[in-house]
PDB file of N, CA and C in Angstrom:
ATOM      1  N   MET A   1      65.902   1.585 355.072  1.00  0.00           N
ATOM      2  CA  MET A   1      66.189   0.199 354.275  1.00  0.00           C
ATOM      3  C   MET A   1      67.651  -0.156 355.292  1.00  0.00           C
ATOM      4  N   PHE A   2      68.101   0.519 355.485  1.00  0.00           N
ATOM      5  CA  PHE A   2      68.902   0.497 356.525  1.00  0.00           C
ATOM      6  C   PHE A   2      68.839   0.327 357.825  1.00  0.00           C
ATOM      7  N   TRP A   3      68.000   1.041 357.944  1.00  0.00           N
ATOM      8  CA  TRP A   3      67.103   0.393 359.788  1.00  0.00           C
ATOM      9  C   TRP A   3      66.742  -1.016 359.700  1.00  0.00           C
ATOM     10  N   LEU A   4      65.961  -1.642 358.657  1.00  0.00           N
ATOM     11  CA  LEU A   4      65.278  -2.615 358.310  1.00  0.00           C
ATOM     12  C   LEU A   4      67.106  -3.658 358.541  1.00  0.00           C
ATOM     13  N   GLY A   5      68.151  -3.240 357.594  1.00  0.00           N
ATOM     14  CA  GLY A   5      68.910  -4.262 357.677  1.00  0.00           C
ATOM     15  C   GLY A   5      69.412  -4.656 359.188  1.00  0.00           C
ATOM     16  N   HIS A   6      69.601  -3.354 360.095  1.00  0.00           N
ATOM     17  CA  HIS A   6      70.027  -3.558 361.662  1.00  0.00           C
ATOM     18  C   HIS A   6      69.135  -4.140 362.165  1.00  0.00           C
ATOM     19  N   ALA A   7      67.946  -4.585 362.149  1.00  0.00           N
ATOM     20  CA  ALA A   7      66.857  -5.360 363.032  1.00  0.00           C
ATOM     21  C   ALA A   7      67.208  -6.451 362.613  1.00  0.00           C
ATOM     22  N   LEU A   8      67.258  -7.071 361.063  1.00  0.00           N
ATOM     23  CA  LEU A   8      67.341  -8.169 360.459  1.00  0.00           C
ATOM     24  C   LEU A   8      68.311  -8.909 361.133  1.00  0.00           C
ATOM     25  N   ASP A   9      69.663  -8.132 361.225  1.00  0.00           N
ATOM     26  CA  ASP A   9      71.015  -8.298 361.824  1.00  0.00           C
ATOM     27  C   ASP A   9      70.571  -8.782 363.287  1.00  0.00           C
ATOM     28  N   ALA A  10      70.069  -8.249 363.968  1.00  0.00           N
ATOM     29  CA  ALA A  10      69.884  -8.415 365.308  1.00  0.00           C
ATOM     30  C   ALA A  10      69.179  -9.449 365.654  1.00  0.00           C
ATOM     31  N   ALA A  11      68.266 -10.039 364.799  1.00  0.00           N
ATOM     32  CA  ALA A  11      67.606 -11.167 364.608  1.00  0.00           C
ATOM     33  C   ALA A  11      67.741 -12.503 363.922  1.00  0.00           C
ATOM     34  N   SER A  12      69.362 -12.045 363.739  1.00  0.00           N
ATOM     35  CA  SER A  12      70.229 -13.234 363.374  1.00  0.00           C
ATOM     36  C   SER A  12      70.339 -13.701 361.980  1.00  0.00           C
ATOM     37  N   TYR A  13      69.434 -12.312 360.965  1.00  0.00           N
ATOM     38  CA  TYR A  13      69.594 -12.772 360.021  1.00  0.00           C
ATOM     39  C   TYR A  13      70.670 -12.024 358.950  1.00  0.00           C
ATOM     40  N   SER A  14      70.920 -12.635 358.359  1.00  0.00           N
ATOM     41  CA  SER A  14      71.836 -12.053 357.244  1.00  0.00           C
ATOM     42  C   SER A  14      71.111 -10.560 356.010  1.00  0.00           C
ATOM     43  N   ALA A  15      71.741  -9.110 356.864  1.00  0.00           N
ATOM     44  CA  ALA A  15      70.704  -8.431 355.719  1.00  0.00           C
ATOM     45  C   ALA A  15      71.531  -7.589 354.893  1.00  0.00           C
ATOM     46  N   LEU A  16      71.800  -7.335 353.928  1.00  0.00           N
ATOM     47  CA  LEU A  16      72.335  -6.694 352.881  1.00  0.00           C
ATOM     48  C   LEU A  16      71.832  -5.776 352.472  1.00  0.00           C
ATOM     49  N   PRO A  17      72.031  -4.379 352.759  1.00  0.00           N
ATOM     50  CA  PRO A  17      70.806  -3.204 352.280  1.00  0.00           C
ATOM     51  C   PRO A  17      71.767  -2.752 351.015  1.00  0.00           C
ATOM     52  N   ALA A  18      70.627  -2.554 349.966  1.00  0.00           N
ATOM     53  CA  ALA A  18      71.698  -1.231 348.677  1.00  0.00           C
ATOM     54  C   ALA A  18      70.659  -0.418 348.720  1.00  0.00           C
ATOM     55  N   LYS A  19      71.386   1.031 348.320  1.00  0.00           N
ATOM     56  CA  LYS A  19      70.816   2.329 347.830  1.00  0.00           C
ATOM     57  C   LYS A  19      69.694   2.163 346.982  1.00  0.00           C
ATOM     58  N   SER A  20      70.043   1.191 345.967  1.00  0.00           N
ATOM     59  CA  SER A  20      69.643   0.966 344.396  1.00  0.00           C
ATOM     60  C   SER A  20      69.449  -0.168 344.257  1.00  0.00           C
ATOM     61  N   VAL A  21      68.373  -0.499 342.733  1.00  0.00           N
ATOM     62  CA  VAL A  21      68.010  -1.598 342.085  1.00  0.00           C
ATOM     63  C   VAL A  21      69.779  -1.738 341.344  1.00  0.00           C
ATOM     64  N   PRO A  22      70.735  -1.468 340.975  1.00  0.00           N
ATOM     65  CA  PRO A  22      71.556  -1.463 340.428  1.00  0.00           C
ATOM     66  C   PRO A  22      72.703  -1.909 341.527  1.00  0.00           C
ATOM     67  N   ASP A  23      73.016  -1.437 342.493  1.00  0.00           N
ATOM     68  CA  ASP A  23      73.464  -1.770 343.615  1.00  0.00           C
ATOM     69  C   ASP A  23      73.101  -2.852 344.266  1.00  0.00           C
ATOM     70  N   ALA A  24      71.711  -3.492 344.401  1.00  0.00           N
ATOM     71  CA  ALA A  24      71.626  -4.292 344.784  1.00  0.00           C
ATOM     72  C   ALA A  24      71.996  -5.619 343.804  1.00  0.00           C
ATOM     73  N   ALA A  25      72.379  -5.362 342.291  1.00  0.00           N
ATOM     74  CA  ALA A  25      72.129  -6.200 341.741  1.00  0.00           C
ATOM     75  C   ALA A  25      73.774  -6.809 341.552  1.00  0.00           C
ATOM     76  N   LEU A  26      74.484  -5.496 342.086  1.00  0.00           N
ATOM     77  CA  LEU A  26      75.922  -6.069 341.829  1.00  0.00           C
ATOM     78  C   LEU A  26      76.580  -6.591 343.400  1.00  0.00           C
ATOM     79  N   LEU A  27      76.111  -5.821 344.257  1.00  0.00           N
ATOM     80  CA  LEU A  27      76.213  -6.645 345.585  1.00  0.00           C
ATOM     81  C   LEU A  27      75.717  -8.200 345.352  1.00  0.00           C
ATOM     82  N   ILE A  28      74.533  -8.647 344.478  1.00  0.00           N
ATOM     83  CA  ILE A  28      74.251  -9.975 344.768  1.00  0.00           C
ATOM     84  C   ILE A  28      75.586 -10.868 343.893  1.00  0.00           C
ATOM     85  N   MET A  29      75.776 -10.136 342.651  1.00  0.00           N
ATOM     86  CA  MET A  29      77.039 -10.707 341.973  1.00  0.00           C
ATOM     87  C   MET A  29      78.291 -10.850 342.340  1.00  0.00           C
ATOM     88  N   GLN A  30      78.568  -9.414 343.414  1.00  0.00           N
ATOM     89  CA  GLN A  30      79.921  -9.957 343.686  1.00  0.00           C
ATOM     90  C   GLN A  30      80.078 -10.886 345.094  1.00  0.00           C
ATOM     91  N   LEU A  31      78.887 -11.000 345.788  1.00  0.00           N
ATOM     92  CA  LEU A  31      79.303 -11.881 346.521  1.00  0.00           C
ATOM     93  C   LEU A  31      78.423 -13.309 346.672  1.00  0.00           C
ATOM     94  N   ASP A  32      78.466 -13.190 345.409  1.00  0.00           N
ATOM     95  CA  ASP A  32      77.826 -14.481 344.807  1.00  0.00           C
ATOM     96  C   ASP A  32      76.860 -15.204 346.165  1.00  0.00           C
ATOM     97  N   VAL A  33      75.925 -14.646 346.480  1.00  0.00           N
ATOM     98  CA  VAL A  33      75.293 -14.515 347.375  1.00  0.00           C
ATOM     99  C   VAL A  33      73.784 -15.317 347.189  1.00  0.00           C
ATOM    100  N   ARG A  34      72.988 -16.054 347.854  1.00  0.00           N
ATOM    101  CA  ARG A  34      71.669 -16.654 347.215  1.00  0.00           C
ATOM    102  C   ARG A  34      70.702 -16.166 348.282  1.00  0.00           C
ATOM    103  N   VAL A  35      69.635 -15.173 347.383  1.00  0.00           N
ATOM    104  CA  VAL A  35      68.627 -14.640 348.297  1.00  0.00           C
ATOM    105  C   VAL A  35      67.543 -15.360 348.364  1.00  0.00           C
ATOM    106  N   ASP A  36      66.793 -15.334 350.387  1.00  0.00           N
ATOM    107  CA  ASP A  36      66.014 -15.887 350.663  1.00  0.00           C
ATOM    108  C   ASP A  36      64.871 -14.901 350.635  1.00  0.00           C
ATOM    109  N   VAL A  37      64.729 -13.545 350.785  1.00  0.00           N
ATOM    110  CA  VAL A  37      63.869 -12.614 351.119  1.00  0.00           C
ATOM    111  C   VAL A  37      64.431 -11.423 350.535  1.00  0.00           C
ATOM    112  N   LEU A  38      63.816 -11.307 349.257  1.00  0.00           N
ATOM    113  CA  LEU A  38      64.035  -9.779 348.677  1.00  0.00           C
ATOM    114  C   LEU A  38      63.074  -8.589 349.427  1.00  0.00           C
ATOM    115  N   VAL A  39      63.386  -7.257 349.837  1.00  0.00           N
ATOM    116  CA  VAL A  39      62.619  -6.346 350.428  1.00  0.00           C
ATOM    117  C   VAL A  39      62.861  -5.398 349.526  1.00  0.00           C
ATOM    118  N   ILE A  40      62.008  -5.074 348.745  1.00  0.00           N
ATOM    119  CA  ILE A  40      62.280  -3.834 347.470  1.00  0.00           C
ATOM    120  C   ILE A  40      60.766  -2.926 347.381  1.00  0.00           C
ATOM    121  N   ASN A  41      61.228  -1.615 347.123  1.00  0.00           N
ATOM    122  CA  ASN A  41      60.155  -0.842 346.606  1.00  0.00           C
ATOM    123  C   ASN A  41      60.030  -1.244 345.133  1.00  0.00           C
ATOM    124  N   PRO A  42      58.560  -1.788 345.098  1.00  0.00           N
ATOM    125  CA  PRO A  42      58.562  -1.932 343.848  1.00  0.00           C
ATOM    126  C   PRO A  42      58.405  -0.713 343.015  1.00  0.00           C
ATOM    127  N   ALA A  43      58.154   0.754 342.991  1.00  0.00           N
ATOM    128  CA  ALA A  43      57.886   1.636 342.585  1.00  0.00           C
ATOM    129  C   ALA A  43      59.540   2.183 342.470  1.00  0.00           C
ATOM    130  N   LEU A  44      60.409   1.811 342.609  1.00  0.00           N
ATOM    131  CA  LEU A  44      61.819   1.880 341.923  1.00  0.00           C
ATOM    132  C   LEU A  44      62.169   1.530 340.782  1.00  0.00           C
ATOM    133  N   SER A  45      62.799   2.680 340.340  1.00  0.00           N
ATOM    134  CA  SER A  45      63.076   2.334 338.502  1.00  0.00           C
ATOM    135  C   SER A  45      64.034   1.068 338.622  1.00  0.00           C
ATOM    136  N   GLY A  46      63.121   0.145 337.538  1.00  0.00           N
ATOM    137  CA  GLY A  46      64.147  -0.979 337.702  1.00  0.00           C
ATOM    138  C   GLY A  46      63.795  -1.994 338.508  1.00  0.00           C
ATOM    139  N   GLY A  47      62.551  -1.722 339.127  1.00  0.00           N
ATOM    140  CA  GLY A  47      62.406  -2.670 340.714  1.00  0.00           C
ATOM    141  C   GLY A  47      61.548  -4.103 340.085  1.00  0.00           C
ATOM    142  N   PRO A  48      60.746  -3.836 339.176  1.00  0.00           N
ATOM    143  CA  PRO A  48      59.815  -5.122 339.009  1.00  0.00           C
ATOM    144  C   PRO A  48      60.868  -5.886 337.484  1.00  0.00           C
ATOM    145  N   ASP A  49      61.811  -5.378 336.650  1.00  0.00           N
ATOM    146  CA  ASP A  49      62.790  -6.269 336.568  1.00  0.00           C
ATOM    147  C   ASP A  49      63.649  -6.702 336.957  1.00  0.00           C
ATOM    148  N   PHE A  50      64.085  -6.184 338.300  1.00  0.00           N
ATOM    149  CA  PHE A  50      64.881  -6.768 338.874  1.00  0.00           C
ATOM    150  C   PHE A  50      64.591  -7.914 339.674  1.00  0.00           C
ATOM    151  N   ILE A  51      63.473  -7.916 340.176  1.00  0.00           N
ATOM    152  CA  ILE A  51      62.436  -9.236 340.763  1.00  0.00           C
ATOM    153  C   ILE A  51      62.337  -9.986 340.219  1.00  0.00           C
ATOM    154  N   ALA A  52      61.796 -10.025 338.414  1.00  0.00           N
ATOM    155  CA  ALA A  52      61.669 -11.131 337.574  1.00  0.00           C
ATOM    156  C   ALA A  52      63.231 -11.711 336.954  1.00  0.00           C
ATOM    157  N   ALA A  53      64.047 -10.664 337.352  1.00  0.00           N
ATOM    158  CA  ALA A  53      65.454 -11.471 336.814  1.00  0.00           C
ATOM    159  C   ALA A  53      66.214 -12.286 338.109  1.00  0.00           C
ATOM    160  N   LEU A  54      65.945 -11.836 339.485  1.00  0.00           N
ATOM    161  CA  LEU A  54      66.270 -12.636 340.718  1.00  0.00           C
ATOM    162  C   LEU A  54      65.711 -13.736 340.444  1.00  0.00           C
ATOM    163  N   HIS A  55      63.713 -13.948 340.037  1.00  0.00           N
ATOM    164  CA  HIS A  55      63.218 -15.178 340.197  1.00  0.00           C
ATOM    165  C   HIS A  55      64.096 -16.110 338.851  1.00  0.00           C
ATOM    166  N   ARG A  56      64.251 -15.722 338.170  1.00  0.00           N
ATOM    167  CA  ARG A  56      64.814 -16.384 337.368  1.00  0.00           C
ATOM    168  C   ARG A  56      66.075 -17.100 336.729  1.00  0.00           C
ATOM    169  N   SER A  57      67.073 -16.259 338.086  1.00  0.00           N
ATOM    170  CA  SER A  57      68.373 -16.617 338.526  1.00  0.00           C
ATOM    171  C   SER A  57      68.232 -17.901 340.090  1.00  0.00           C
ATOM    172  N   GLN A  58      67.765 -17.198 340.559  1.00  0.00           N
ATOM    173  CA  GLN A  58      67.199 -17.986 341.791  1.00  0.00           C
ATOM    174  C   GLN A  58      65.840 -17.831 342.514  1.00  0.00           C
ATOM    175  N   GLY A  59      65.066 -19.228 341.629  1.00  0.00           N
ATOM    176  CA  GLY A  59      63.846 -19.368 341.496  1.00  0.00           C
ATOM    177  C   GLY A  59      62.966 -19.823 342.866  1.00  0.00           C
ATOM    178  N   ASP A  60      63.971 -19.763 344.469  1.00  0.00           N
ATOM    179  CA  ASP A  60      63.231 -19.935 345.552  1.00  0.00           C
ATOM    180  C   ASP A  60      62.889 -18.178 346.160  1.00  0.00           C
ATOM    181  N   VAL A  61      63.086 -17.292 345.771  1.00  0.00           N
ATOM    182  CA  VAL A  61      63.364 -15.858 346.691  1.00  0.00           C
ATOM    183  C   VAL A  61      62.168 -15.737 346.491  1.00  0.00           C
ATOM    184  N   ARG A  62      61.561 -15.525 347.853  1.00  0.00           N
ATOM    185  CA  ARG A  62      60.565 -14.476 348.159  1.00  0.00           C
ATOM    186  C   ARG A  62      61.048 -12.752 348.239  1.00  0.00           C
ATOM    187  N   VAL A  63      59.424 -12.235 347.514  1.00  0.00           N
ATOM    188  CA  VAL A  63      60.001 -11.215 347.552  1.00  0.00           C
ATOM    189  C   VAL A  63      58.652 -10.617 348.360  1.00  0.00           C
ATOM    190  N   ILE A  64      59.227  -9.235 349.245  1.00  0.00           N
ATOM    191  CA  ILE A  64      58.227  -8.283 349.858  1.00  0.00           C
ATOM    192  C   ILE A  64      58.190  -6.983 349.362  1.00  0.00           C
ATOM    193  N   GLY A  65      56.770  -6.355 349.051  1.00  0.00           N
ATOM    194  CA  GLY A  65      57.644  -5.374 348.168  1.00  0.00           C
ATOM    195  C   GLY A  65      57.100  -4.130 349.385  1.00  0.00           C
ATOM    196  N   ILE A  66      57.461  -2.829 349.736  1.00  0.00           N
ATOM    197  CA  ILE A  66      58.070  -2.154 350.510  1.00  0.00           C
ATOM    198  C   ILE A  66      56.961  -0.754 350.040  1.00  0.00           C
ATOM    199  N   LEU A  67      55.943  -0.351 350.442  1.00  0.00           N
ATOM    200  CA  LEU A  67      54.985   0.130 350.133  1.00  0.00           C
ATOM    201  C   LEU A  67      54.616   1.875 351.110  1.00  0.00           C
ATOM    202  N   ASN A  68      55.028   2.407 350.188  1.00  0.00           N
ATOM    203  CA  ASN A  68      55.382   4.110 350.794  1.00  0.00           C
ATOM    204  C   ASN A  68      53.812   4.371 351.105  1.00  0.00           C
ATOM    205  N   ASP A  69      52.793   4.199 350.979  1.00  0.00           N
ATOM    206  CA  ASP A  69      51.529   4.224 351.687  1.00  0.00           C
ATOM    207  C   ASP A  69      51.007   2.679 351.923  1.00  0.00           C
ATOM    208  N   ALA A  70      50.399   2.873 353.039  1.00  0.00           N
ATOM    209  CA  ALA A  70      49.634   1.469 353.367  1.00  0.00           C
ATOM    210  C   ALA A  70      48.731   1.154 352.498  1.00  0.00           C
ATOM    211  N   ASN A  71      47.795   2.376 351.921  1.00  0.00           N
ATOM    212  CA  ASN A  71      46.734   1.853 351.231  1.00  0.00           C
ATOM    213  C   ASN A  71      46.973   1.558 349.790  1.00  0.00           C
ATOM    214  N   GLN A  72      48.340   1.841 349.454  1.00  0.00           N
ATOM    215  CA  GLN A  72      48.761   1.181 348.251  1.00  0.00           C
ATOM    216  C   GLN A  72      48.690  -0.282 347.497  1.00  0.00           C
ATOM    217  N   VAL A  73      48.488  -0.456 346.535  1.00  0.00           N
ATOM    218  CA  VAL A  73      47.718  -1.700 345.871  1.00  0.00           C
ATOM    219  C   VAL A  73      49.092  -2.023 345.456  1.00  0.00           C
ATOM    220  N   VAL A  74      49.982  -3.390 345.491  1.00  0.00           N
ATOM    221  CA  VAL A  74      50.735  -3.871 344.547  1.00  0.00           C
ATOM    222  C   VAL A  74      50.437  -4.890 343.414  1.00  0.00           C
ATOM    223  N   HIS A  75      50.275  -4.622 342.243  1.00  0.00           N
ATOM    224  CA  HIS A  75      50.333  -6.215 341.396  1.00  0.00           C
ATOM    225  C   HIS A  75      51.635  -6.163 340.471  1.00  0.00           C
ATOM    226  N   ILE A  76      52.520  -6.738 341.157  1.00  0.00           N
ATOM    227  CA  ILE A  76      53.620  -7.181 340.456  1.00  0.00           C
ATOM    228  C   ILE A  76      53.809  -8.440 340.459  1.00  0.00           C
ATOM    229  N   PRO A  77      54.205  -8.873 339.029  1.00  0.00           N
ATOM    230  CA  PRO A  77      54.520 -10.898 339.137  1.00  0.00           C
ATOM    231  C   PRO A  77      55.456 -10.648 340.208  1.00  0.00           C
ATOM    232  N   GLY A  78      55.201 -11.890 340.917  1.00  0.00           N
ATOM    233  CA  GLY A  78      56.934 -12.702 341.694  1.00  0.00           C
ATOM    234  C   GLY A  78      56.989 -11.502 343.162  1.00  0.00           C
ATOM    235  N   VAL A  79      55.715 -10.661 343.392  1.00  0.00           N
ATOM    236  CA  VAL A  79      55.776 -10.009 344.773  1.00  0.00           C
ATOM    237  C   VAL A  79      55.161 -10.825 346.023  1.00  0.00           C
ATOM    238  N   ASN A  80      55.488 -11.293 346.850  1.00  0.00           N
ATOM    239  CA  ASN A  80      54.723 -12.530 347.695  1.00  0.00           C
ATOM    240  C   ASN A  80      54.005 -12.321 348.585  1.00  0.00           C
ATOM    241  N   ALA A  81      54.545 -10.645 349.232  1.00  0.00           N
ATOM    242  CA  ALA A  81      53.454 -10.032 350.083  1.00  0.00           C
ATOM    243  C   ALA A  81      54.285  -8.385 349.922  1.00  0.00           C
ATOM    244  N   SER A  82      53.232  -7.864 350.343  1.00  0.00           N
ATOM    245  CA  SER A  82      53.521  -6.208 350.952  1.00  0.00           C
ATOM    246  C   SER A  82      53.807  -5.644 351.884  1.00  0.00           C
ATOM    247  N   HIS A  83      54.415  -4.562 352.710  1.00  0.00           N
ATOM    248  CA  HIS A  83      54.242  -4.441 354.305  1.00  0.00           C
ATOM    249  C   HIS A  83      54.815  -2.826 353.943  1.00  0.00           C
ATOM    250  N   PRO A  84      53.803  -1.961 354.900  1.00  0.00           N
ATOM    251  CA  PRO A  84      54.210  -0.326 355.010  1.00  0.00           C
ATOM    252  C   PRO A  84      55.408   0.229 355.022  1.00  0.00           C
ATOM    253  N   LYS A  85      55.795   1.114 354.535  1.00  0.00           N
ATOM    254  CA  LYS A  85      57.073   1.781 355.232  1.00  0.00           C
ATOM    255  C   LYS A  85      56.722   1.626 356.282  1.00  0.00           C
ATOM    256  N   PRO A  86      57.507   2.023 357.630  1.00  0.00           N
ATOM    257  CA  PRO A  86      56.620   2.497 358.823  1.00  0.00           C
ATOM    258  C   PRO A  86      57.198   4.110 359.112  1.00  0.00           C
ATOM    259  N   ALA A  87      55.795   4.602 359.774  1.00  0.00           N
ATOM    260  CA  ALA A  87      55.896   6.234 359.980  1.00  0.00           C
ATOM    261  C   ALA A  87      56.849   6.538 361.058  1.00  0.00           C
ATOM    262  N   ILE A  88      57.100   5.414 361.938  1.00  0.00           N
ATOM    263  CA  ILE A  88      58.061   5.668 362.956  1.00  0.00           C
ATOM    264  C   ILE A  88      58.731   4.603 363.199  1.00  0.00           C
ATOM    265  N   LEU A  89      59.984   4.782 363.662  1.00  0.00           N
ATOM    266  CA  LEU A  89      61.350   3.514 363.888  1.00  0.00           C
ATOM    267  C   LEU A  89      60.983   2.901 364.520  1.00  0.00           C
ATOM    268  N   ASN A  90      60.151   2.389 365.108  1.00  0.00           N
ATOM    269  CA  ASN A  90      60.134   1.757 366.465  1.00  0.00           C
ATOM    270  C   ASN A  90      60.539   0.143 366.822  1.00  0.00           C
ATOM    271  N   GLU A  91      60.188  -0.190 368.099  1.00  0.00           N
ATOM    272  CA  GLU A  91      60.127  -1.683 368.180  1.00  0.00           C
ATOM    273  C   GLU A  91      59.144  -2.473 367.651  1.00  0.00           C
ATOM    274  N   ALA A  92      57.878  -1.356 367.970  1.00  0.00           N
ATOM    275  CA  ALA A  92      56.282  -2.247 367.292  1.00  0.00           C
ATOM    276  C   ALA A  92      56.904  -2.548 365.259  1.00  0.00           C
ATOM    277  N   ALA A  93      57.456  -1.221 365.327  1.00  0.00           N
ATOM    278  CA  ALA A  93      57.893  -1.247 363.555  1.00  0.00           C
ATOM    279  C   ALA A  93      58.543  -2.842 362.991  1.00  0.00           C
ATOM    280  N   LYS A  94      59.859  -2.717 363.783  1.00  0.00           N
ATOM    281  CA  LYS A  94      60.708  -3.771 363.907  1.00  0.00           C
ATOM    282  C   LYS A  94      59.610  -4.928 364.051  1.00  0.00           C
ATOM    283  N   ALA A  95      59.231  -5.386 364.964  1.00  0.00           N
ATOM    284  CA  ALA A  95      58.634  -6.533 365.411  1.00  0.00           C
ATOM    285  C   ALA A  95      57.704  -7.132 364.223  1.00  0.00           C
ATOM    286  N   GLU A  96      56.845  -6.175 363.503  1.00  0.00           N
ATOM    287  CA  GLU A  96      55.865  -6.259 362.179  1.00  0.00           C
ATOM    288  C   GLU A  96      56.674  -6.513 361.322  1.00  0.00           C
ATOM    289  N   TRP A  97      57.653  -5.942 360.939  1.00  0.00           N
ATOM    290  CA  TRP A  97      58.623  -6.444 359.830  1.00  0.00           C
ATOM    291  C   TRP A  97      59.078  -8.131 359.963  1.00  0.00           C
ATOM    292  N   LEU A  98      59.988  -7.853 360.971  1.00  0.00           N
ATOM    293  CA  LEU A  98      60.391  -9.279 361.112  1.00  0.00           C
ATOM    294  C   LEU A  98      59.051 -10.268 361.396  1.00  0.00           C
ATOM    295  N   GLN A  99      58.087  -9.950 361.566  1.00  0.00           N
ATOM    296  CA  GLN A  99      56.764 -11.273 361.543  1.00  0.00           C
ATOM    297  C   GLN A  99      56.260 -11.059 360.161  1.00  0.00           C
ATOM    298  N   CYS A 100      56.186  -9.901 359.225  1.00  0.00           N
ATOM    299  CA  CYS A 100      56.202 -10.126 357.825  1.00  0.00           C
ATOM    300  C   CYS A 100      57.081 -10.975 357.386  1.00  0.00           C
ATOM    301  N   ILE A 101      58.381 -10.965 357.525  1.00  0.00           N
ATOM    302  CA  ILE A 101      59.385 -11.828 356.706  1.00  0.00           C
ATOM    303  C   ILE A 101      59.561 -13.072 357.370  1.00  0.00           C
ATOM    304  N   GLU A 102      59.201 -13.601 358.599  1.00  0.00           N
ATOM    305  CA  GLU A 102      58.922 -14.803 358.697  1.00  0.00           C
ATOM    306  C   GLU A 102      57.622 -15.672 358.548  1.00  0.00           C
ATOM    307  N   SER A 103      57.013 -15.085 357.997  1.00  0.00           N
ATOM    308  CA  SER A 103      55.802 -15.356 357.621  1.00  0.00           C
ATOM    309  C   SER A 103      55.707 -15.673 356.216  1.00  0.00           C
ATOM    310  N   VAL A 104      55.932 -15.003 355.473  1.00  0.00           N
ATOM    311  CA  VAL A 104      56.898 -15.056 353.801  1.00  0.00           C
ATOM    312  C   VAL A 104      57.318 -16.271 353.899  1.00  0.00           C
ATOM    313  N   LEU A 105      58.606 -16.431 354.918  1.00  0.00           N
ATOM    314  CA  LEU A 105      59.662 -17.403 354.669  1.00  0.00           C
ATOM    315  C   LEU A 105      58.279 -18.733 354.885  1.00  0.00           C
ATOM    316  N   ALA A 106      57.513 -18.994 356.105  1.00  0.00           N
ATOM    317  CA  ALA A 106      57.162 -19.687 356.212  1.00  0.00           C
ATOM    318  C   ALA A 106      56.418 -20.368 355.493  1.00  0.00           C
ATOM    319  N   ASN A 107      55.415 -19.588 354.906  1.00  0.00           N
ATOM    320  CA  ASN A 107      54.510 -19.574 353.753  1.00  0.00           C
ATOM    321  C   ASN A 107      55.318 -20.885 352.940  1.00  0.00           C
ATOM    322  N   HIS A 108      56.179 -20.168 352.180  1.00  0.00           N
ATOM    323  CA  HIS A 108      57.159 -20.639 351.128  1.00  0.00           C
ATOM    324  C   HIS A 108      57.660 -22.157 351.720  1.00  0.00           C
ATOM    325  N   HIS A 109      58.269 -22.453 353.163  1.00  0.00           N
ATOM    326  CA  HIS A 109      58.193 -23.727 353.324  1.00  0.00           C
ATOM    327  C   HIS A 109      57.390 -24.199 353.318  1.00  0.00           C
ATOM    328  N   GLN A 110      56.143 -24.121 353.666  1.00  0.00           N
ATOM    329  CA  GLN A 110      55.253 -25.043 353.610  1.00  0.00           C
ATOM    330  C   GLN A 110      54.568 -25.431 352.584  1.00  0.00           C
ATOM    331  N   SER A 111      55.045 -23.911 351.189  1.00  0.00           N
ATOM    332  CA  SER A 111      54.288 -24.769 350.021  1.00  0.00           C
ATOM    333  C   SER A 111      55.239 -25.632 349.351  1.00  0.00           C
ATOM    334  N   GLN A 112      56.700 -25.618 349.900  1.00  0.00           N
ATOM    335  CA  GLN A 112      57.631 -26.661 349.419  1.00  0.00           C
ATOM    336  C   GLN A 112      57.231 -28.465 349.780  1.00  0.00           C
ATOM    337  N   ARG A 113      57.206 -27.876 350.903  1.00  0.00           N
ATOM    338  CA  ARG A 113      56.901 -29.475 351.958  1.00  0.00           C
ATOM    339  C   ARG A 113      55.959 -29.882 350.937  1.00  0.00           C
ATOM    340  N   SER A 114      54.792 -29.135 350.694  1.00  0.00           N
ATOM    341  CA  SER A 114      53.485 -29.845 350.064  1.00  0.00           C
ATOM    342  C   SER A 114      53.916 -30.309 348.647  1.00  0.00           C
ATOM    343  N   PHE A 115      54.954 -30.016 348.052  1.00  0.00           N
ATOM    344  CA  PHE A 115      55.325 -30.634 346.826  1.00  0.00           C
ATOM    345  C   PHE A 115      55.963 -31.874 346.760  1.00  0.00           C
ATOM    346  N   HIS A 116      56.658 -32.051 347.911  1.00  0.00           N
ATOM    347  CA  HIS A 116      57.389 -33.382 348.176  1.00  0.00           C
ATOM    348  C   HIS A 116      56.997 -34.471 348.447  1.00  0.00           C
TER     349      HIS A 116
END
């Protein structure tokens, strides 16, 4: 996650990596931040509950599930997209993650425009 946080910072996003679900919840509460995209391993203890709680408090949040295995399937309510954990932390993996995040954000903005 810290690798991804650095990649997002370098791409002019504000990234706040956390080591656990409780750490993420505390970070959001202490900093009183609005989350645009949550990147989380849904298999983490408390992950699905945290996703649901964040959707209740910040309805516009988009969620990307980190998959340990590219063949893993995620069926958790509130997860908008999934992307495999990179095997090698290189520029190609960084570009794939940035593309995934930008795609999730673009799809969200398009769906918002269609309702106005």
